[in-house]
PDB file of N, CA and C in Angstrom:
ATOM      1  N   MET A   1      36.294 -42.233  62.023  1.00  0.00           N
ATOM      2  CA  MET A   1      35.050 -42.766  62.525  1.00  0.00           C
ATOM      3  C   MET A   1      35.102 -44.283  62.419  1.00  0.00           C
ATOM      4  N   GLN A   2      34.802 -44.920  63.516  1.00  0.00           N
ATOM      5  CA  GLN A   2      34.772 -46.377  63.553  1.00  0.00           C
ATOM      6  C   GLN A   2      33.323 -46.835  63.367  1.00  0.00           C
ATOM      7  N   ILE A   3      33.122 -47.828  62.504  1.00  0.00           N
ATOM      8  CA  ILE A   3      31.780 -48.356  62.254  1.00  0.00           C
ATOM      9  C   ILE A   3      31.735 -49.802  62.713  1.00  0.00           C
ATOM     10  N   VAL A   4      30.754 -50.114  63.564  1.00  0.00           N
ATOM     11  CA  VAL A   4      30.559 -51.477  64.075  1.00  0.00           C
ATOM     12  C   VAL A   4      29.241 -51.991  63.504  1.00  0.00           C
ATOM     13  N   PHE A   5      29.273 -53.149  62.858  1.00  0.00           N
ATOM     14  CA  PHE A   5      28.091 -53.754  62.248  1.00  0.00           C
ATOM     15  C   PHE A   5      27.700 -54.988  63.046  1.00  0.00           C
ATOM     16  N   ASP A   6      26.413 -55.068  63.414  1.00  0.00           N
ATOM     17  CA  ASP A   6      25.924 -56.209  64.188  1.00  0.00           C
ATOM     18  C   ASP A   6      24.598 -56.666  63.601  1.00  0.00           C
ATOM     19  N   ALA A   7      24.538 -57.920  63.183  1.00  0.00           N
ATOM     20  CA  ALA A   7      23.298 -58.454  62.620  1.00  0.00           C
ATOM     21  C   ALA A   7      22.968 -59.773  63.309  1.00  0.00           C
ATOM     22  N   GLN A   8      21.831 -59.819  63.977  1.00  0.00           N
ATOM     23  CA  GLN A   8      21.416 -61.040  64.669  1.00  0.00           C
ATOM     24  C   GLN A   8      20.973 -62.123  63.687  1.00  0.00           C
ATOM     25  N   PRO A   9      20.072 -61.848  62.755  1.00  0.00           N
ATOM     26  CA  PRO A   9      19.703 -62.910  61.818  1.00  0.00           C
ATOM     27  C   PRO A   9      20.758 -63.040  60.725  1.00  0.00           C
ATOM     28  N   ALA A  10      20.985 -64.253  60.272  1.00  0.00           N
ATOM     29  CA  ALA A  10      21.981 -64.491  59.226  1.00  0.00           C
ATOM     30  C   ALA A  10      21.583 -63.827  57.918  1.00  0.00           C
ATOM     31  N   ALA A  11      20.307 -63.584  57.706  1.00  0.00           N
ATOM     32  CA  ALA A  11      19.839 -62.973  56.457  1.00  0.00           C
ATOM     33  C   ALA A  11      20.323 -61.537  56.306  1.00  0.00           C
ATOM     34  N   ALA A  12      20.650 -60.868  57.388  1.00  0.00           N
ATOM     35  CA  ALA A  12      21.080 -59.470  57.313  1.00  0.00           C
ATOM     36  C   ALA A  12      22.592 -59.325  57.144  1.00  0.00           C
ATOM     37  N   LYS A  13      23.362 -60.364  57.363  1.00  0.00           N
ATOM     38  CA  LYS A  13      24.822 -60.259  57.273  1.00  0.00           C
ATOM     39  C   LYS A  13      25.331 -59.865  55.890  1.00  0.00           C
ATOM     40  N   PRO A  14      24.722 -60.322  54.787  1.00  0.00           N
ATOM     41  CA  PRO A  14      25.203 -59.878  53.464  1.00  0.00           C
ATOM     42  C   PRO A  14      25.032 -58.379  53.211  1.00  0.00           C
ATOM     43  N   LEU A  15      24.293 -57.690  54.036  1.00  0.00           N
ATOM     44  CA  LEU A  15      24.076 -56.249  53.871  1.00  0.00           C
ATOM     45  C   LEU A  15      25.220 -55.402  54.408  1.00  0.00           C
ATOM     46  N   LYS A  16      26.233 -56.019  54.983  1.00  0.00           N
ATOM     47  CA  LYS A  16      27.269 -55.262  55.676  1.00  0.00           C
ATOM     48  C   LYS A  16      27.943 -54.224  54.779  1.00  0.00           C
ATOM     49  N   ASP A  17      28.442 -54.616  53.630  1.00  0.00           N
ATOM     50  CA  ASP A  17      29.164 -53.684  52.765  1.00  0.00           C
ATOM     51  C   ASP A  17      28.277 -52.525  52.318  1.00  0.00           C
ATOM     52  N   MET A  18      27.058 -52.845  51.889  1.00  0.00           N
ATOM     53  CA  MET A  18      26.136 -51.807  51.451  1.00  0.00           C
ATOM     54  C   MET A  18      25.765 -50.881  52.608  1.00  0.00           C
ATOM     55  N   THR A  19      25.574 -51.434  53.790  1.00  0.00           N
ATOM     56  CA  THR A  19      25.202 -50.643  54.962  1.00  0.00           C
ATOM     57  C   THR A  19      26.318 -49.676  55.353  1.00  0.00           C
ATOM     58  N   VAL A  20      27.534 -50.157  55.389  1.00  0.00           N
ATOM     59  CA  VAL A  20      28.672 -49.300  55.739  1.00  0.00           C
ATOM     60  C   VAL A  20      28.846 -48.195  54.698  1.00  0.00           C
ATOM     61  N   GLU A  21      28.678 -48.536  53.423  1.00  0.00           N
ATOM     62  CA  GLU A  21      28.792 -47.541  52.360  1.00  0.00           C
ATOM     63  C   GLU A  21      27.702 -46.473  52.484  1.00  0.00           C
ATOM     64  N   ARG A  22      26.471 -46.882  52.725  1.00  0.00           N
ATOM     65  CA  ARG A  22      25.357 -45.938  52.872  1.00  0.00           C
ATOM     66  C   ARG A  22      25.547 -45.043  54.098  1.00  0.00           C
ATOM     67  N   LEU A  23      26.050 -45.618  55.199  1.00  0.00           N
ATOM     68  CA  LEU A  23      26.283 -44.830  56.408  1.00  0.00           C
ATOM     69  C   LEU A  23      27.379 -43.791  56.174  1.00  0.00           C
ATOM     70  N   ARG A  24      28.470 -44.193  55.553  1.00  0.00           N
ATOM     71  CA  ARG A  24      29.545 -43.235  55.253  1.00  0.00           C
ATOM     72  C   ARG A  24      29.045 -42.111  54.345  1.00  0.00           C
ATOM     73  N   PHE A  25      28.208 -42.452  53.374  1.00  0.00           N
ATOM     74  CA  PHE A  25      27.662 -41.435  52.483  1.00  0.00           C
ATOM     75  C   PHE A  25      26.747 -40.478  53.244  1.00  0.00           C
ATOM     76  N   ALA A  26      25.899 -41.010  54.118  1.00  0.00           N
ATOM     77  CA  ALA A  26      24.962 -40.179  54.878  1.00  0.00           C
ATOM     78  C   ALA A  26      25.687 -39.245  55.846  1.00  0.00           C
ATOM     79  N   LEU A  27      26.826 -39.693  56.368  1.00  0.00           N
ATOM     80  CA  LEU A  27      27.568 -38.907  57.359  1.00  0.00           C
ATOM     81  C   LEU A  27      28.735 -38.124  56.757  1.00  0.00           C
ATOM     82  N   ARG A  28      28.822 -38.031  55.449  1.00  0.00           N
ATOM     83  CA  ARG A  28      30.009 -37.456  54.818  1.00  0.00           C
ATOM     84  C   ARG A  28      30.315 -36.035  55.276  1.00  0.00           C
ATOM     85  N   ARG A  29      29.298 -35.229  55.554  1.00  0.00           N
ATOM     86  CA  ARG A  29      29.537 -33.845  55.989  1.00  0.00           C
ATOM     87  C   ARG A  29      29.808 -33.741  57.480  1.00  0.00           C
ATOM     88  N   MET A  30      29.361 -34.724  58.257  1.00  0.00           N
ATOM     89  CA  MET A  30      29.451 -34.628  59.713  1.00  0.00           C
ATOM     90  C   MET A  30      30.313 -35.732  60.330  1.00  0.00           C
ATOM     91  N   ALA A  31      31.097 -36.413  59.515  1.00  0.00           N
ATOM     92  CA  ALA A  31      31.880 -37.553  59.996  1.00  0.00           C
ATOM     93  C   ALA A  31      32.889 -37.158  61.069  1.00  0.00           C
ATOM     94  N   GLN A  32      33.414 -35.945  61.019  1.00  0.00           N
ATOM     95  CA  GLN A  32      34.407 -35.521  62.011  1.00  0.00           C
ATOM     96  C   GLN A  32      33.792 -35.364  63.393  1.00  0.00           C
ATOM     97  N   GLN A  33      32.466 -35.246  63.490  1.00  0.00           N
ATOM     98  CA  GLN A  33      31.779 -35.119  64.774  1.00  0.00           C
ATOM     99  C   GLN A  33      31.503 -36.468  65.424  1.00  0.00           C
ATOM    100  N   VAL A  34      31.609 -37.557  64.648  1.00  0.00           N
ATOM    101  CA  VAL A  34      31.207 -38.885  65.121  1.00  0.00           C
ATOM    102  C   VAL A  34      32.433 -39.730  65.446  1.00  0.00           C
ATOM    103  N   ASN A  35      32.503 -40.230  66.678  1.00  0.00           N
ATOM    104  CA  ASN A  35      33.584 -41.138  67.055  1.00  0.00           C
ATOM    105  C   ASN A  35      33.294 -42.555  66.592  1.00  0.00           C
ATOM    106  N   THR A  36      32.118 -43.065  66.974  1.00  0.00           N
ATOM    107  CA  THR A  36      31.745 -44.447  66.678  1.00  0.00           C
ATOM    108  C   THR A  36      30.309 -44.501  66.189  1.00  0.00           C
ATOM    109  N   ALA A  37      30.085 -45.316  65.176  1.00  0.00           N
ATOM    110  CA  ALA A  37      28.733 -45.579  64.692  1.00  0.00           C
ATOM    111  C   ALA A  37      28.488 -47.082  64.828  1.00  0.00           C
ATOM    112  N   ARG A  38      27.382 -47.451  65.453  1.00  0.00           N
ATOM    113  CA  ARG A  38      27.043 -48.863  65.627  1.00  0.00           C
ATOM    114  C   ARG A  38      25.702 -49.111  64.948  1.00  0.00           C
ATOM    115  N   ILE A  39      25.697 -50.036  64.002  1.00  0.00           N
ATOM    116  CA  ILE A  39      24.487 -50.373  63.263  1.00  0.00           C
ATOM    117  C   ILE A  39      24.105 -51.799  63.634  1.00  0.00           C
ATOM    118  N   SER A  40      22.855 -51.972  64.033  1.00  0.00           N
ATOM    119  CA  SER A  40      22.410 -53.336  64.354  1.00  0.00           C
ATOM    120  C   SER A  40      21.097 -53.633  63.650  1.00  0.00           C
ATOM    121  N   PHE A  41      20.985 -54.860  63.188  1.00  0.00           N
ATOM    122  CA  PHE A  41      19.773 -55.355  62.556  1.00  0.00           C
ATOM    123  C   PHE A  41      19.217 -56.475  63.415  1.00  0.00           C
ATOM    124  N   THR A  42      17.914 -56.436  63.671  1.00  0.00           N
ATOM    125  CA  THR A  42      17.254 -57.510  64.406  1.00  0.00           C
ATOM    126  C   THR A  42      15.939 -57.851  63.726  1.00  0.00           C
ATOM    127  N   ASP A  43      15.571 -59.108  63.833  1.00  0.00           N
ATOM    128  CA  ASP A  43      14.289 -59.581  63.331  1.00  0.00           C
ATOM    129  C   ASP A  43      13.399 -59.732  64.558  1.00  0.00           C
ATOM    130  N   VAL A  44      12.455 -58.815  64.732  1.00  0.00           N
ATOM    131  CA  VAL A  44      11.700 -58.690  65.969  1.00  0.00           C
ATOM    132  C   VAL A  44      10.925 -59.951  66.314  1.00  0.00           C
ATOM    133  N   ASN A  45      10.160 -60.485  65.375  1.00  0.00           N
ATOM    134  CA  ASN A  45       9.364 -61.656  65.719  1.00  0.00           C
ATOM    135  C   ASN A  45       9.800 -62.921  64.990  1.00  0.00           C
ATOM    136  N   GLY A  46      11.040 -62.971  64.588  1.00  0.00           N
ATOM    137  CA  GLY A  46      11.596 -64.195  64.018  1.00  0.00           C
ATOM    138  C   GLY A  46      11.120 -64.483  62.605  1.00  0.00           C
ATOM    139  N   PRO A  47      11.048 -65.750  62.243  1.00  0.00           N
ATOM    140  CA  PRO A  47      10.755 -66.122  60.853  1.00  0.00           C
ATOM    141  C   PRO A  47       9.279 -66.010  60.455  1.00  0.00           C
ATOM    142  N   ARG A  48       8.434 -65.482  61.303  1.00  0.00           N
ATOM    143  CA  ARG A  48       7.013 -65.406  60.976  1.00  0.00           C
ATOM    144  C   ARG A  48       6.706 -64.381  59.900  1.00  0.00           C
ATOM    145  N   GLY A  49       7.610 -63.423  59.663  1.00  0.00           N
ATOM    146  CA  GLY A  49       7.390 -62.424  58.623  1.00  0.00           C
ATOM    147  C   GLY A  49       6.642 -61.215  59.139  1.00  0.00           C
ATOM    148  N   GLY A  50       6.254 -60.364  58.221  1.00  0.00           N
ATOM    149  CA  GLY A  50       5.540 -59.149  58.595  1.00  0.00           C
ATOM    150  C   GLY A  50       6.485 -57.972  58.737  1.00  0.00           C
ATOM    151  N   VAL A  51       5.960 -56.886  59.294  1.00  0.00           N
ATOM    152  CA  VAL A  51       6.749 -55.667  59.496  1.00  0.00           C
ATOM    153  C   VAL A  51       7.553 -55.844  60.778  1.00  0.00           C
ATOM    154  N   ASP A  52       8.705 -56.493  60.649  1.00  0.00           N
ATOM    155  CA  ASP A  52       9.461 -56.828  61.855  1.00  0.00           C
ATOM    156  C   ASP A  52      10.970 -56.723  61.683  1.00  0.00           C
ATOM    157  N   LYS A  53      11.437 -56.182  60.578  1.00  0.00           N
ATOM    158  CA  LYS A  53      12.877 -55.999  60.383  1.00  0.00           C
ATOM    159  C   LYS A  53      13.247 -54.652  60.979  1.00  0.00           C
ATOM    160  N   ARG A  54      14.134 -54.659  61.979  1.00  0.00           N
ATOM    161  CA  ARG A  54      14.481 -53.438  62.694  1.00  0.00           C
ATOM    162  C   ARG A  54      15.947 -53.078  62.456  1.00  0.00           C
ATOM    163  N   ALA A  55      16.175 -51.829  62.071  1.00  0.00           N
ATOM    164  CA  ALA A  55      17.525 -51.274  61.933  1.00  0.00           C
ATOM    165  C   ALA A  55      17.694 -50.224  63.019  1.00  0.00           C
ATOM    166  N   LYS A  56      18.782 -50.310  63.768  1.00  0.00           N
ATOM    167  CA  LYS A  56      19.048 -49.360  64.846  1.00  0.00           C
ATOM    168  C   LYS A  56      20.449 -48.794  64.650  1.00  0.00           C
ATOM    169  N   ILE A  57      20.556 -47.472  64.732  1.00  0.00           N
ATOM    170  CA  ILE A  57      21.847 -46.800  64.566  1.00  0.00           C
ATOM    171  C   ILE A  57      22.129 -45.996  65.829  1.00  0.00           C
ATOM    172  N   ARG A  58      23.318 -46.217  66.381  1.00  0.00           N
ATOM    173  CA  ARG A  58      23.754 -45.501  67.585  1.00  0.00           C
ATOM    174  C   ARG A  58      25.051 -44.774  67.243  1.00  0.00           C
ATOM    175  N   LEU A  59      25.035 -43.458  67.415  1.00  0.00           N
ATOM    176  CA  LEU A  59      26.219 -42.636  67.140  1.00  0.00           C
ATOM    177  C   LEU A  59      26.753 -42.070  68.438  1.00  0.00           C
ATOM    178  N   HIS A  60      28.042 -42.229  68.676  1.00  0.00           N
ATOM    179  CA  HIS A  60      28.706 -41.593  69.815  1.00  0.00           C
ATOM    180  C   HIS A  60      29.415 -40.361  69.259  1.00  0.00           C
ATOM    181  N   LEU A  61      28.939 -39.193  69.665  1.00  0.00           N
ATOM    182  CA  LEU A  61      29.463 -37.944  69.130  1.00  0.00           C
ATOM    183  C   LEU A  61      30.624 -37.432  69.970  1.00  0.00           C
ATOM    184  N   GLU A  62      31.467 -36.642  69.333  1.00  0.00           N
ATOM    185  CA  GLU A  62      32.666 -36.110  69.971  1.00  0.00           C
ATOM    186  C   GLU A  62      32.340 -35.320  71.235  1.00  0.00           C
ATOM    187  N   ALA A  63      31.426 -34.382  71.144  1.00  0.00           N
ATOM    188  CA  ALA A  63      31.163 -33.521  72.300  1.00  0.00           C
ATOM    189  C   ALA A  63      29.682 -33.399  72.652  1.00  0.00           C
ATOM    190  N   HIS A  64      28.835 -34.196  72.020  1.00  0.00           N
ATOM    191  CA  HIS A  64      27.400 -34.005  72.202  1.00  0.00           C
ATOM    192  C   HIS A  64      26.666 -35.259  72.665  1.00  0.00           C
ATOM    193  N   GLY A  65      27.361 -36.233  73.194  1.00  0.00           N
ATOM    194  CA  GLY A  65      26.693 -37.415  73.735  1.00  0.00           C
ATOM    195  C   GLY A  65      26.405 -38.477  72.687  1.00  0.00           C
ATOM    196  N   THR A  66      25.248 -39.113  72.828  1.00  0.00           N
ATOM    197  CA  THR A  66      24.875 -40.235  71.978  1.00  0.00           C
ATOM    198  C   THR A  66      23.552 -39.948  71.285  1.00  0.00           C
ATOM    199  N   VAL A  67      23.487 -40.316  70.017  1.00  0.00           N
ATOM    200  CA  VAL A  67      22.250 -40.204  69.234  1.00  0.00           C
ATOM    201  C   VAL A  67      21.842 -41.618  68.845  1.00  0.00           C
ATOM    202  N   ILE A  68      20.603 -41.996  69.166  1.00  0.00           N
ATOM    203  CA  ILE A  68      20.100 -43.332  68.838  1.00  0.00           C
ATOM    204  C   ILE A  68      18.816 -43.183  68.035  1.00  0.00           C
ATOM    205  N   VAL A  69      18.769 -43.842  66.879  1.00  0.00           N
ATOM    206  CA  VAL A  69      17.563 -43.857  66.060  1.00  0.00           C
ATOM    207  C   VAL A  69      17.311 -45.283  65.596  1.00  0.00           C
ATOM    208  N   GLY A  70      16.073 -45.560  65.283  1.00  0.00           N
ATOM    209  CA  GLY A  70      15.713 -46.881  64.794  1.00  0.00           C
ATOM    210  C   GLY A  70      14.546 -46.797  63.851  1.00  0.00           C
ATOM    211  N   ALA A  71      14.373 -47.853  63.055  1.00  0.00           N
ATOM    212  CA  ALA A  71      13.252 -47.930  62.134  1.00  0.00           C
ATOM    213  C   ALA A  71      12.888 -49.391  61.941  1.00  0.00           C
ATOM    214  N   THR A  72      11.608 -49.640  61.760  1.00  0.00           N
ATOM    215  CA  THR A  72      11.110 -50.989  61.539  1.00  0.00           C
ATOM    216  C   THR A  72      10.361 -51.019  60.219  1.00  0.00           C
ATOM    217  N   SER A  73      10.597 -52.061  59.422  1.00  0.00           N
ATOM    218  CA  SER A  73       9.954 -52.180  58.126  1.00  0.00           C
ATOM    219  C   SER A  73       9.784 -53.659  57.767  1.00  0.00           C
ATOM    220  N   SER A  74       9.225 -53.894  56.592  1.00  0.00           N
ATOM    221  CA  SER A  74       9.004 -55.270  56.160  1.00  0.00           C
ATOM    222  C   SER A  74      10.236 -55.875  55.495  1.00  0.00           C
ATOM    223  N   ASN A  75      11.234 -55.025  55.109  1.00  0.00           N
ATOM    224  CA  ASN A  75      12.482 -55.577  54.562  1.00  0.00           C
ATOM    225  C   ASN A  75      13.674 -54.790  55.094  1.00  0.00           C
ATOM    226  N   TRP A  76      14.859 -55.373  54.964  1.00  0.00           N
ATOM    227  CA  TRP A  76      16.072 -54.805  55.549  1.00  0.00           C
ATOM    228  C   TRP A  76      16.450 -53.473  54.913  1.00  0.00           C
ATOM    229  N   HIS A  77      16.343 -53.378  53.588  1.00  0.00           N
ATOM    230  CA  HIS A  77      16.743 -52.145  52.894  1.00  0.00           C
ATOM    231  C   HIS A  77      15.878 -50.961  53.301  1.00  0.00           C
ATOM    232  N   ALA A  78      14.577 -51.172  53.364  1.00  0.00           N
ATOM    233  CA  ALA A  78      13.672 -50.085  53.748  1.00  0.00           C
ATOM    234  C   ALA A  78      13.925 -49.652  55.189  1.00  0.00           C
ATOM    235  N   ALA A  79      14.166 -50.614  56.080  1.00  0.00           N
ATOM    236  CA  ALA A  79      14.459 -50.279  57.478  1.00  0.00           C
ATOM    237  C   ALA A  79      15.753 -49.467  57.575  1.00  0.00           C
ATOM    238  N   LEU A  80      16.768 -49.864  56.814  1.00  0.00           N
ATOM    239  CA  LEU A  80      18.041 -49.140  56.825  1.00  0.00           C
ATOM    240  C   LEU A  80      17.873 -47.722  56.294  1.00  0.00           C
ATOM    241  N   GLU A  81      17.214 -47.561  55.165  1.00  0.00           N
ATOM    242  CA  GLU A  81      17.031 -46.236  54.579  1.00  0.00           C
ATOM    243  C   GLU A  81      16.236 -45.317  55.502  1.00  0.00           C
ATOM    244  N   ASP A  82      15.205 -45.845  56.130  1.00  0.00           N
ATOM    245  CA  ASP A  82      14.409 -45.037  57.052  1.00  0.00           C
ATOM    246  C   ASP A  82      15.239 -44.631  58.275  1.00  0.00           C
ATOM    247  N   ALA A  83      16.015 -45.562  58.804  1.00  0.00           N
ATOM    248  CA  ALA A  83      16.870 -45.257  59.959  1.00  0.00           C
ATOM    249  C   ALA A  83      17.939 -44.225  59.586  1.00  0.00           C
ATOM    250  N   LEU A  84      18.523 -44.325  58.403  1.00  0.00           N
ATOM    251  CA  LEU A  84      19.526 -43.349  57.964  1.00  0.00           C
ATOM    252  C   LEU A  84      18.912 -41.960  57.816  1.00  0.00           C
ATOM    253  N   ARG A  85      17.714 -41.894  57.244  1.00  0.00           N
ATOM    254  CA  ARG A  85      17.041 -40.602  57.092  1.00  0.00           C
ATOM    255  C   ARG A  85      16.766 -39.971  58.451  1.00  0.00           C
ATOM    256  N   ARG A  86      16.288 -40.763  59.400  1.00  0.00           N
ATOM    257  CA  ARG A  86      16.029 -40.251  60.749  1.00  0.00           C
ATOM    258  C   ARG A  86      17.316 -39.842  61.448  1.00  0.00           C
ATOM    259  N   MET A  87      18.378 -40.620  61.228  1.00  0.00           N
ATOM    260  CA  MET A  87      19.662 -40.329  61.870  1.00  0.00           C
ATOM    261  C   MET A  87      20.221 -38.991  61.409  1.00  0.00           C
ATOM    262  N   VAL A  88      20.173 -38.731  60.106  1.00  0.00           N
ATOM    263  CA  VAL A  88      20.697 -37.467  59.584  1.00  0.00           C
ATOM    264  C   VAL A  88      19.891 -36.298  60.140  1.00  0.00           C
ATOM    265  N   ALA A  89      18.573 -36.421  60.151  1.00  0.00           N
ATOM    266  CA  ALA A  89      17.738 -35.342  60.680  1.00  0.00           C
ATOM    267  C   ALA A  89      18.035 -35.088  62.159  1.00  0.00           C
ATOM    268  N   LYS A  90      18.158 -36.144  62.938  1.00  0.00           N
ATOM    269  CA  LYS A  90      18.438 -36.012  64.373  1.00  0.00           C
ATOM    270  C   LYS A  90      19.830 -35.429  64.609  1.00  0.00           C
ATOM    271  N   LEU A  91      20.801 -35.860  63.823  1.00  0.00           N
ATOM    272  CA  LEU A  91      22.169 -35.361  63.984  1.00  0.00           C
ATOM    273  C   LEU A  91      22.267 -33.885  63.615  1.00  0.00           C
ATOM    274  N   VAL A  92      21.622 -33.484  62.535  1.00  0.00           N
ATOM    275  CA  VAL A  92      21.628 -32.074  62.152  1.00  0.00           C
ATOM    276  C   VAL A  92      20.971 -31.236  63.243  1.00  0.00           C
ATOM    277  N   LYS A  93      19.868 -31.710  63.791  1.00  0.00           N
ATOM    278  CA  LYS A  93      19.184 -30.985  64.859  1.00  0.00           C
ATOM    279  C   LYS A  93      20.056 -30.876  66.105  1.00  0.00           C
ATOM    280  N   THR A  94      20.701 -31.971  66.481  1.00  0.00           N
ATOM    281  CA  THR A  94      21.571 -31.973  67.667  1.00  0.00           C
ATOM    282  C   THR A  94      22.741 -31.008  67.497  1.00  0.00           C
ATOM    283  N   LEU A  95      23.376 -31.045  66.346  1.00  0.00           N
ATOM    284  CA  LEU A  95      24.537 -30.179  66.122  1.00  0.00           C
ATOM    285  C   LEU A  95      24.137 -28.715  65.975  1.00  0.00           C
ATOM    286  N   SER A  96      22.985 -28.437  65.380  1.00  0.00           N
ATOM    287  CA  SER A  96      22.565 -27.039  65.249  1.00  0.00           C
ATOM    288  C   SER A  96      22.151 -26.461  66.596  1.00  0.00           C
ATOM    289  N   GLN A  97      21.567 -27.274  67.466  1.00  0.00           N
ATOM    290  CA  GLN A  97      21.222 -26.791  68.802  1.00  0.00           C
ATOM    291  C   GLN A  97      22.469 -26.517  69.625  1.00  0.00           C
ATOM    292  N   ALA A  98      23.514 -27.293  69.404  1.00  0.00           N
ATOM    293  CA  ALA A  98      24.761 -27.079  70.148  1.00  0.00           C
ATOM    294  C   ALA A  98      25.442 -25.793  69.713  1.00  0.00           C
ATOM    295  N   LYS A  99      25.280 -25.384  68.462  1.00  0.00           N
ATOM    296  CA  LYS A  99      25.921 -24.164  67.965  1.00  0.00           C
ATOM    297  C   LYS A  99      25.159 -22.907  68.367  1.00  0.00           C
ATOM    298  N   ARG A 100      23.859 -23.056  68.594  1.00  0.00           N
ATOM    299  CA  ARG A 100      23.019 -21.911  68.913  1.00  0.00           C
ATOM    300  C   ARG A 100      23.341 -21.398  70.317  1.00  0.00           C
ATOM    301  N   PRO A 101      23.564 -20.098  70.468  1.00  0.00           N
ATOM    302  CA  PRO A 101      23.844 -19.581  71.812  1.00  0.00           C
ATOM    303  C   PRO A 101      22.601 -19.651  72.692  1.00  0.00           C
ATOM    304  N   ARG A 102      22.828 -19.828  73.963  1.00  0.00           N
ATOM    305  CA  ARG A 102      21.712 -19.882  74.904  1.00  0.00           C
ATOM    306  C   ARG A 102      21.099 -18.502  75.064  1.00  0.00           C
ATOM    307  N   ARG A 103      19.802 -18.492  75.156  1.00  0.00           N
ATOM    308  CA  ARG A 103      19.094 -17.227  75.341  1.00  0.00           C
ATOM    309  C   ARG A 103      19.118 -16.849  76.805  1.00  0.00           C
ATOM    310  N   GLN A 104      19.237 -15.559  77.054  1.00  0.00           N
ATOM    311  CA  GLN A 104      19.227 -15.070  78.427  1.00  0.00           C
ATOM    312  C   GLN A 104      17.911 -14.350  78.684  1.00  0.00           C
ATOM    313  N   SER A 105      17.491 -14.411  79.907  1.00  0.00           N
ATOM    314  CA  SER A 105      16.248 -13.724  80.254  1.00  0.00           C
ATOM    315  C   SER A 105      16.486 -12.219  80.281  1.00  0.00           C
ATOM    316  N   MET A 106      15.415 -11.477  80.153  1.00  0.00           N
ATOM    317  CA  MET A 106      15.509 -10.005  80.200  1.00  0.00           C
ATOM    318  C   MET A 106      16.032  -9.549  81.561  1.00  0.00           C
ATOM    319  N   LYS A 107      15.668 -10.253  82.615  1.00  0.00           N
ATOM    320  CA  LYS A 107      16.117  -9.894  83.958  1.00  0.00           C
ATOM    321  C   LYS A 107      17.640  -9.972  84.048  1.00  0.00           C
ATOM    322  N   ALA A 108      18.210 -11.059  83.507  1.00  0.00           N
ATOM    323  CA  ALA A 108      19.662 -11.214  83.552  1.00  0.00           C
ATOM    324  C   ALA A 108      20.352 -10.143  82.699  1.00  0.00           C
ATOM    325  N   LEU A 109      19.761  -9.810  81.576  1.00  0.00           N
ATOM    326  CA  LEU A 109      20.356  -8.785  80.713  1.00  0.00           C
ATOM    327  C   LEU A 109      20.314  -7.410  81.363  1.00  0.00           C
ATOM    328  N   THR A 110      19.204  -7.071  82.023  1.00  0.00           N
ATOM    329  CA  THR A 110      19.105  -5.759  82.658  1.00  0.00           C
ATOM    330  C   THR A 110      20.015  -5.663  83.872  1.00  0.00           C
ATOM    331  N   GLN A 111      20.205  -6.772  84.577  1.00  0.00           N
ATOM    332  CA  GLN A 111      21.110  -6.757  85.736  1.00  0.00           C
ATOM    333  C   GLN A 111      22.539  -6.551  85.281  1.00  0.00           C
ATOM    334  N   LYS A 112      22.913  -7.121  84.151  1.00  0.00           N
ATOM    335  CA  LYS A 112      24.269  -6.938  83.634  1.00  0.00           C
ATOM    336  C   LYS A 112      24.490  -5.481  83.200  1.00  0.00           C
ATOM    337  N   SER A 113      23.492  -4.898  82.567  1.00  0.00           N
ATOM    338  CA  SER A 113      23.662  -3.526  82.098  1.00  0.00           C
ATOM    339  C   SER A 113      23.674  -2.540  83.250  1.00  0.00           C
ATOM    340  N   VAL A 114      22.940  -2.821  84.334  1.00  0.00           N
ATOM    341  CA  VAL A 114      22.916  -1.942  85.510  1.00  0.00           C
ATOM    342  C   VAL A 114      24.256  -2.044  86.248  1.00  0.00           C
ATOM    343  N   ALA A 115      24.824  -3.246  86.324  1.00  0.00           N
ATOM    344  CA  ALA A 115      26.087  -3.450  87.014  1.00  0.00           C
ATOM    345  C   ALA A 115      27.256  -2.797  86.282  1.00  0.00           C
ATOM    346  N   SER A 116      27.146  -2.644  84.984  1.00  0.00           N
ATOM    347  CA  SER A 116      28.245  -2.072  84.189  1.00  0.00           C
ATOM    348  C   SER A 116      28.324  -0.609  84.284  1.00  0.00           C
TER     349      SER A 116
END
């Protein structure tokens, strides 16, 4: 799994090592399903402060497309933790839906049994 870190404000750049470590820990069971993980931090309204620190995680999955989640908070750590929690929930849901067999209508089932 390749991890790409992108931080627009200079204040978020020191978080790189911790962010990569937290992402690897969060994906430890599902890492083989993920080709690339891209983490980006942005400060929505600049130096004015407030609830404007945004963490966005984009995962490119092996066979299931792309999963994108984001979170906004008043500090970088809280935004990252919230985004990681959402990412794991979304990834588990995506992978469990892919494993579940598609349901067939009763009409299709009865036509198959009549044809046999």
